[in-house]
C-alpha atoms as a PDB file:
ATOM      1  CA  UNK A   1      13.230   7.969  24.686  1.00  0.00           C
ATOM      2  CA  UNK A   2      16.308  10.081  23.873  1.00  0.00           C
ATOM      3  CA  UNK A   3      17.586   7.666  21.231  1.00  0.00           C
ATOM      4  CA  UNK A   4      14.760   7.953  18.715  1.00  0.00           C
ATOM      5  CA  UNK A   5      14.730  11.778  18.294  1.00  0.00           C
ATOM      6  CA  UNK A   6      18.514  11.755  17.915  1.00  0.00           C
ATOM      7  CA  UNK A   7      18.276   9.062  15.250  1.00  0.00           C
ATOM      8  CA  UNK A   8      15.542  10.951  13.412  1.00  0.00           C
ATOM      9  CA  UNK A   9      17.485  14.226  13.475  1.00  0.00           C
ATOM     10  CA  UNK A  10      21.079  13.078  13.051  1.00  0.00           C
ATOM     11  CA  UNK A  11      20.740   9.709  11.345  1.00  0.00           C
ATOM     12  CA  UNK A  12      17.862  10.432   8.993  1.00  0.00           C
ATOM     13  CA  UNK A  13      18.555  14.159   8.639  1.00  0.00           C
ATOM     14  CA  UNK A  14      14.989  15.285   9.310  1.00  0.00           C
ATOM     15  CA  UNK A  15      14.074  18.654  10.748  1.00  0.00           C
ATOM     16  CA  UNK A  16      12.978  19.701  14.232  1.00  0.00           C
ATOM     17  CA  UNK A  17       9.272  19.580  13.354  1.00  0.00           C
ATOM     18  CA  UNK A  18       9.469  15.880  12.491  1.00  0.00           C
ATOM     19  CA  UNK A  19      11.590  15.241  15.596  1.00  0.00           C
ATOM     20  CA  UNK A  20       8.820  16.850  17.649  1.00  0.00           C
ATOM     21  CA  UNK A  21       6.214  14.684  15.948  1.00  0.00           C
ATOM     22  CA  UNK A  22       8.237  11.572  16.728  1.00  0.00           C
ATOM     23  CA  UNK A  23       8.772  12.524  20.381  1.00  0.00           C
ATOM     24  CA  UNK A  24       5.116  13.500  20.805  1.00  0.00           C
ATOM     25  CA  UNK A  25       3.823  10.326  19.197  1.00  0.00           C
ATOM     26  CA  UNK A  26       6.138   8.261  21.380  1.00  0.00           C
ATOM     27  CA  UNK A  27       4.781  10.020  24.477  1.00  0.00           C
ATOM     28  CA  UNK A  28       1.175   9.538  23.333  1.00  0.00           C
ATOM     29  CA  UNK A  29       1.780   5.848  22.628  1.00  0.00           C
ATOM     30  CA  UNK A  30       3.177   5.297  26.112  1.00  0.00           C
ATOM     31  CA  UNK A  31       0.316   7.281  27.652  1.00  0.00           C
ATOM     32  CA  UNK A  32      -2.200   5.016  25.893  1.00  0.00           C
ATOM     33  CA  UNK A  33      -0.378   1.698  26.256  1.00  0.00           C
ATOM     34  CA  UNK A  34       0.612   1.829  29.938  1.00  0.00           C
ATOM     35  CA  UNK A  35      -2.902   1.509  31.387  1.00  0.00           C
ATOM     36  CA  UNK A  36      -3.698  -1.261  28.893  1.00  0.00           C
ATOM     37  CA  UNK A  37      -0.481  -3.116  29.712  1.00  0.00           C
ATOM     38  CA  UNK A  38      -1.058  -2.728  33.452  1.00  0.00           C
ATOM     39  CA  UNK A  39      -4.579  -4.065  33.199  1.00  0.00           C
ATOM     40  CA  UNK A  40      -3.384  -6.984  31.047  1.00  0.00           C
ATOM     41  CA  UNK A  41      -0.670  -7.793  33.559  1.00  0.00           C
ATOM     42  CA  UNK A  42      -3.116  -7.619  36.474  1.00  0.00           C
ATOM     43  CA  UNK A  43      -5.607  -9.923  34.761  1.00  0.00           C
ATOM     44  CA  UNK A  44      -3.218 -12.405  33.104  1.00  0.00           C
ATOM     45  CA  UNK A  45      -0.356 -12.462  35.537  1.00  0.00           C
ATOM     46  CA  UNK A  46       3.046 -10.827  35.665  1.00  0.00           C
ATOM     47  CA  UNK A  47       4.893 -13.564  33.795  1.00  0.00           C
ATOM     48  CA  UNK A  48       2.602 -13.389  30.776  1.00  0.00           C
ATOM     49  CA  UNK A  49       2.774  -9.590  30.811  1.00  0.00           C
ATOM     50  CA  UNK A  50       6.567  -9.679  30.810  1.00  0.00           C
ATOM     51  CA  UNK A  51       6.655 -12.156  27.917  1.00  0.00           C
ATOM     52  CA  UNK A  52       4.274 -10.039  25.813  1.00  0.00           C
ATOM     53  CA  UNK A  53       6.321  -6.924  26.675  1.00  0.00           C
ATOM     54  CA  UNK A  54       9.555  -8.622  25.631  1.00  0.00           C
ATOM     55  CA  UNK A  55       8.020  -9.703  22.329  1.00  0.00           C
ATOM     56  CA  UNK A  56       6.798  -6.152  21.696  1.00  0.00           C
ATOM     57  CA  UNK A  57      10.260  -4.760  22.543  1.00  0.00           C
ATOM     58  CA  UNK A  58      11.885  -7.240  20.152  1.00  0.00           C
ATOM     59  CA  UNK A  59       9.482  -6.239  17.381  1.00  0.00           C
ATOM     60  CA  UNK A  60      10.215  -2.562  17.946  1.00  0.00           C
ATOM     61  CA  UNK A  61      13.942  -3.300  17.837  1.00  0.00           C
ATOM     62  CA  UNK A  62      13.507  -5.009  14.474  1.00  0.00           C
ATOM     63  CA  UNK A  63      11.579  -2.001  13.166  1.00  0.00           C
ATOM     64  CA  UNK A  64      14.379   0.262  14.405  1.00  0.00           C
ATOM     65  CA  UNK A  65      16.930  -1.834  12.512  1.00  0.00           C
ATOM     66  CA  UNK A  66      14.710  -1.591   9.443  1.00  0.00           C
ATOM     67  CA  UNK A  67      14.791   2.197   9.713  1.00  0.00           C
ATOM     68  CA  UNK A  68      18.583   2.102   9.938  1.00  0.00           C
ATOM     69  CA  UNK A  69      18.741  -0.099   6.864  1.00  0.00           C
ATOM     70  CA  UNK A  70      16.451   2.229   4.945  1.00  0.00           C
ATOM     71  CA  UNK A  71      18.596   5.242   5.756  1.00  0.00           C
ATOM     72  CA  UNK A  72      21.765   3.377   4.831  1.00  0.00           C
ATOM     73  CA  UNK A  73      20.358   2.070   1.547  1.00  0.00           C
ATOM     74  CA  UNK A  74      18.940   5.469   0.594  1.00  0.00           C
ATOM     75  CA  UNK A  75      15.389   4.275   0.221  1.00  0.00           C
ATOM     76  CA  UNK A  76      14.297   7.865   0.658  1.00  0.00           C
ATOM     77  CA  UNK A  77      13.608   8.072  -3.051  1.00  0.00           C
ATOM     78  CA  UNK A  78      11.239   5.113  -2.970  1.00  0.00           C
ATOM     79  CA  UNK A  79       7.463   5.494  -2.691  1.00  0.00           C
ATOM     80  CA  UNK A  80       7.546   3.607   0.628  1.00  0.00           C
ATOM     81  CA  UNK A  81       9.357   6.502   2.294  1.00  0.00           C
ATOM     82  CA  UNK A  82       6.365   8.799   1.780  1.00  0.00           C
ATOM     83  CA  UNK A  83       4.246   6.336   3.719  1.00  0.00           C
ATOM     84  CA  UNK A  84       5.774   7.636   6.968  1.00  0.00           C
ATOM     85  CA  UNK A  85       7.130  11.008   7.985  1.00  0.00           C
ATOM     86  CA  UNK A  86       9.406  11.178   4.951  1.00  0.00           C
ATOM     87  CA  UNK A  87       6.923  13.314   3.033  1.00  0.00           C
ATOM     88  CA  UNK A  88       7.384  16.037   5.647  1.00  0.00           C
ATOM     89  CA  UNK A  89      11.144  16.101   5.247  1.00  0.00           C
ATOM     90  CA  UNK A  90      12.869  18.756   3.264  1.00  0.00           C
ATOM     91  CA  UNK A  91      16.189  17.979   1.653  1.00  0.00           C
ATOM     92  CA  UNK A  92      19.083  19.827   3.186  1.00  0.00           C
ATOM     93  CA  UNK A  93      20.417  22.228   0.606  1.00  0.00           C
ATOM     94  CA  UNK A  94      23.318  24.479   1.362  1.00  0.00           C
ATOM     95  CA  UNK A  95      22.719  28.092   0.419  1.00  0.00           C
ATOM     96  CA  UNK A  96      24.462  29.122  -2.756  1.00  0.00           C
ATOM     97  CA  UNK A  97      26.818  32.039  -2.561  1.00  0.00           C
ATOM     98  CA  UNK A  98      26.916  34.533  -5.317  1.00  0.00           C
ATOM     99  CA  UNK A  99      30.352  35.943  -6.204  1.00  0.00           C
END
């Protein structure tokens, strides 16, 4: 849980509002998925539940690496960036000082 908001804020340079959206959506996803995963594990068996969980964790890890690659390759200017939370981001501009 603490890794994703730090990556969004420090790595991607997004503001606190987007960090809150990410943390809240992560909490909501776990709130929805835990009863479903528990029921699946009870009905299908623990081994099958663990295998499906490991596959889901591997897929999320690949998506995390994709987000790292997009921030490193500066895909922020592409139209795909506005598909996610990138449209909410404001570019960091240092205030100009007048002499």
